[in-house]
Amino acid sequence: MPDILFEVIGWIGSGFLIIAYVLVSSRKLNPESSGYQLINLSGAICLLAYAIYTSAYPFILVNFIWLIIGLTFFVKIYMNKK
């Protein structure tokens, strides 16, 4: 059961990143918006969980960095709104 759960989490994460890319590329979402960052963060978290479960170390590193970048910009966006 856990195998299929993490497989689904991985697919969901991939979907989030693809959706974010399509929305930004089609100019339906601003890359500096909190919505874009939340979609990216969701994707990174899901893919990081999948990568950790499968022990895919290069994938863990990439998604961890992706997560840190997303968090950094999300915090900057949030702080600028105050």
C-alpha atoms as a PDB file:
ATOM      1  CA  MET A   1       0.000   0.000   0.000  1.00  0.00           C
ATOM      2  CA  PRO A   2       2.682   2.611   0.810  1.00  0.00           C
ATOM      3  CA  ASP A   3       4.248   2.062  -2.630  1.00  0.00           C
ATOM      4  CA  ILE A   4       1.095   3.114  -4.432  1.00  0.00           C
ATOM      5  CA  LEU A   5       0.525   6.011  -2.033  1.00  0.00           C
ATOM      6  CA  PHE A   6       3.953   7.488  -2.741  1.00  0.00           C
ATOM      7  CA  GLU A   7       3.552   6.816  -6.449  1.00  0.00           C
ATOM      8  CA  VAL A   8       0.336   8.863  -6.408  1.00  0.00           C
ATOM      9  CA  ILE A   9       2.057  11.602  -4.389  1.00  0.00           C
ATOM     10  CA  GLY A  10       4.834  11.703  -6.986  1.00  0.00           C
ATOM     11  CA  TRP A  11       2.348  12.012  -9.862  1.00  0.00           C
ATOM     12  CA  ILE A  12       0.441  14.754  -8.040  1.00  0.00           C
ATOM     13  CA  GLY A  13       3.696  16.653  -7.483  1.00  0.00           C
ATOM     14  CA  SER A  14       4.569  16.340 -11.160  1.00  0.00           C
ATOM     15  CA  GLY A  15       1.116  17.629 -12.030  1.00  0.00           C
ATOM     16  CA  PHE A  16       1.532  20.669  -9.795  1.00  0.00           C
ATOM     17  CA  LEU A  17       4.815  21.630 -11.456  1.00  0.00           C
ATOM     18  CA  ILE A  18       3.417  21.152 -14.955  1.00  0.00           C
ATOM     19  CA  ILE A  19       0.321  23.206 -14.111  1.00  0.00           C
ATOM     20  CA  ALA A  20       2.464  25.995 -12.651  1.00  0.00           C
ATOM     21  CA  TYR A  21       4.681  26.038 -15.745  1.00  0.00           C
ATOM     22  CA  VAL A  22       1.715  26.109 -18.144  1.00  0.00           C
ATOM     23  CA  LEU A  23      -0.038  28.885 -16.207  1.00  0.00           C
ATOM     24  CA  VAL A  24       3.083  31.069 -16.113  1.00  0.00           C
ATOM     25  CA  SER A  25       4.000  30.368 -19.735  1.00  0.00           C
ATOM     26  CA  SER A  26       0.482  31.248 -20.881  1.00  0.00           C
ATOM     27  CA  ARG A  27       0.595  34.395 -18.714  1.00  0.00           C
ATOM     28  CA  LYS A  28      -2.443  33.335 -16.722  1.00  0.00           C
ATOM     29  CA  LEU A  29      -0.400  33.428 -13.534  1.00  0.00           C
ATOM     30  CA  ASN A  30       2.275  35.908 -12.520  1.00  0.00           C
ATOM     31  CA  PRO A  31       5.545  34.200 -11.507  1.00  0.00           C
ATOM     32  CA  GLU A  32       5.805  36.699  -8.659  1.00  0.00           C
ATOM     33  CA  SER A  33       2.393  35.765  -7.258  1.00  0.00           C
ATOM     34  CA  SER A  34       1.840  33.791  -4.093  1.00  0.00           C
ATOM     35  CA  GLY A  35      -0.455  31.440  -6.047  1.00  0.00           C
ATOM     36  CA  TYR A  36       2.364  30.433  -8.368  1.00  0.00           C
ATOM     37  CA  GLN A  37       4.720  29.921  -5.445  1.00  0.00           C
ATOM     38  CA  LEU A  38       2.145  27.801  -3.592  1.00  0.00           C
ATOM     39  CA  ILE A  39       1.655  25.543  -6.607  1.00  0.00           C
ATOM     40  CA  ASN A  40       5.433  25.206  -6.959  1.00  0.00           C
ATOM     41  CA  LEU A  41       5.878  24.529  -3.238  1.00  0.00           C
ATOM     42  CA  SER A  42       3.153  21.884  -3.316  1.00  0.00           C
ATOM     43  CA  GLY A  43       4.844  20.172  -6.240  1.00  0.00           C
ATOM     44  CA  ALA A  44       8.259  20.312  -4.623  1.00  0.00           C
ATOM     45  CA  ILE A  45       6.957  18.888  -1.338  1.00  0.00           C
ATOM     46  CA  CYS A  46       5.184  16.007  -3.091  1.00  0.00           C
ATOM     47  CA  LEU A  47       8.169  15.200  -5.288  1.00  0.00           C
ATOM     48  CA  LEU A  48      10.558  15.465  -2.350  1.00  0.00           C
ATOM     49  CA  ALA A  49       8.449  12.982  -0.380  1.00  0.00           C
ATOM     50  CA  TYR A  50       8.461  10.591  -3.337  1.00  0.00           C
ATOM     51  CA  ALA A  51      12.196  11.000  -3.875  1.00  0.00           C
ATOM     52  CA  ILE A  52      12.944  10.321  -0.210  1.00  0.00           C
ATOM     53  CA  TYR A  53      10.720   7.240  -0.252  1.00  0.00           C
ATOM     54  CA  THR A  54      12.484   5.873  -3.343  1.00  0.00           C
ATOM     55  CA  SER A  55      15.972   6.948  -2.137  1.00  0.00           C
ATOM     56  CA  ALA A  56      16.569   8.873  -5.361  1.00  0.00           C
ATOM     57  CA  TYR A  57      19.349  11.078  -3.998  1.00  0.00           C
ATOM     58  CA  PRO A  58      19.871  13.393  -7.008  1.00  0.00           C
ATOM     59  CA  PHE A  59      16.103  13.906  -7.119  1.00  0.00           C
ATOM     60  CA  ILE A  60      16.062  14.599  -3.370  1.00  0.00           C
ATOM     61  CA  LEU A  61      18.697  17.323  -3.825  1.00  0.00           C
ATOM     62  CA  VAL A  62      16.922  18.975  -6.768  1.00  0.00           C
ATOM     63  CA  ASN A  63      13.546  19.046  -5.034  1.00  0.00           C
ATOM     64  CA  PHE A  64      15.017  20.203  -1.732  1.00  0.00           C
ATOM     65  CA  ILE A  65      16.684  23.133  -3.525  1.00  0.00           C
ATOM     66  CA  TRP A  66      13.438  23.783  -5.453  1.00  0.00           C
ATOM     67  CA  LEU A  67      11.577  23.850  -2.118  1.00  0.00           C
ATOM     68  CA  ILE A  68      14.055  26.278  -0.515  1.00  0.00           C
ATOM     69  CA  ILE A  69      13.855  28.616  -3.512  1.00  0.00           C
ATOM     70  CA  GLY A  70      10.056  28.503  -3.459  1.00  0.00           C
ATOM     71  CA  LEU A  71       9.913  29.144   0.286  1.00  0.00           C
ATOM     72  CA  THR A  72      12.333  32.046  -0.025  1.00  0.00           C
ATOM     73  CA  PHE A  73      10.291  33.779  -2.695  1.00  0.00           C
ATOM     74  CA  PHE A  74       6.978  32.980  -0.996  1.00  0.00           C
ATOM     75  CA  VAL A  75       8.236  34.656   2.200  1.00  0.00           C
ATOM     76  CA  LYS A  76       9.479  37.658   0.197  1.00  0.00           C
ATOM     77  CA  ILE A  77       6.087  38.014  -1.495  1.00  0.00           C
ATOM     78  CA  TYR A  78       4.297  37.688   1.842  1.00  0.00           C
ATOM     79  CA  MET A  79       6.563  40.241   3.536  1.00  0.00           C
ATOM     80  CA  ASN A  80       6.101  42.753   0.690  1.00  0.00           C
ATOM     81  CA  LYS A  81       2.311  42.555   1.105  1.00  0.00           C
ATOM     82  CA  LYS A  82       2.519  43.688   4.733  1.00  0.00           C
END
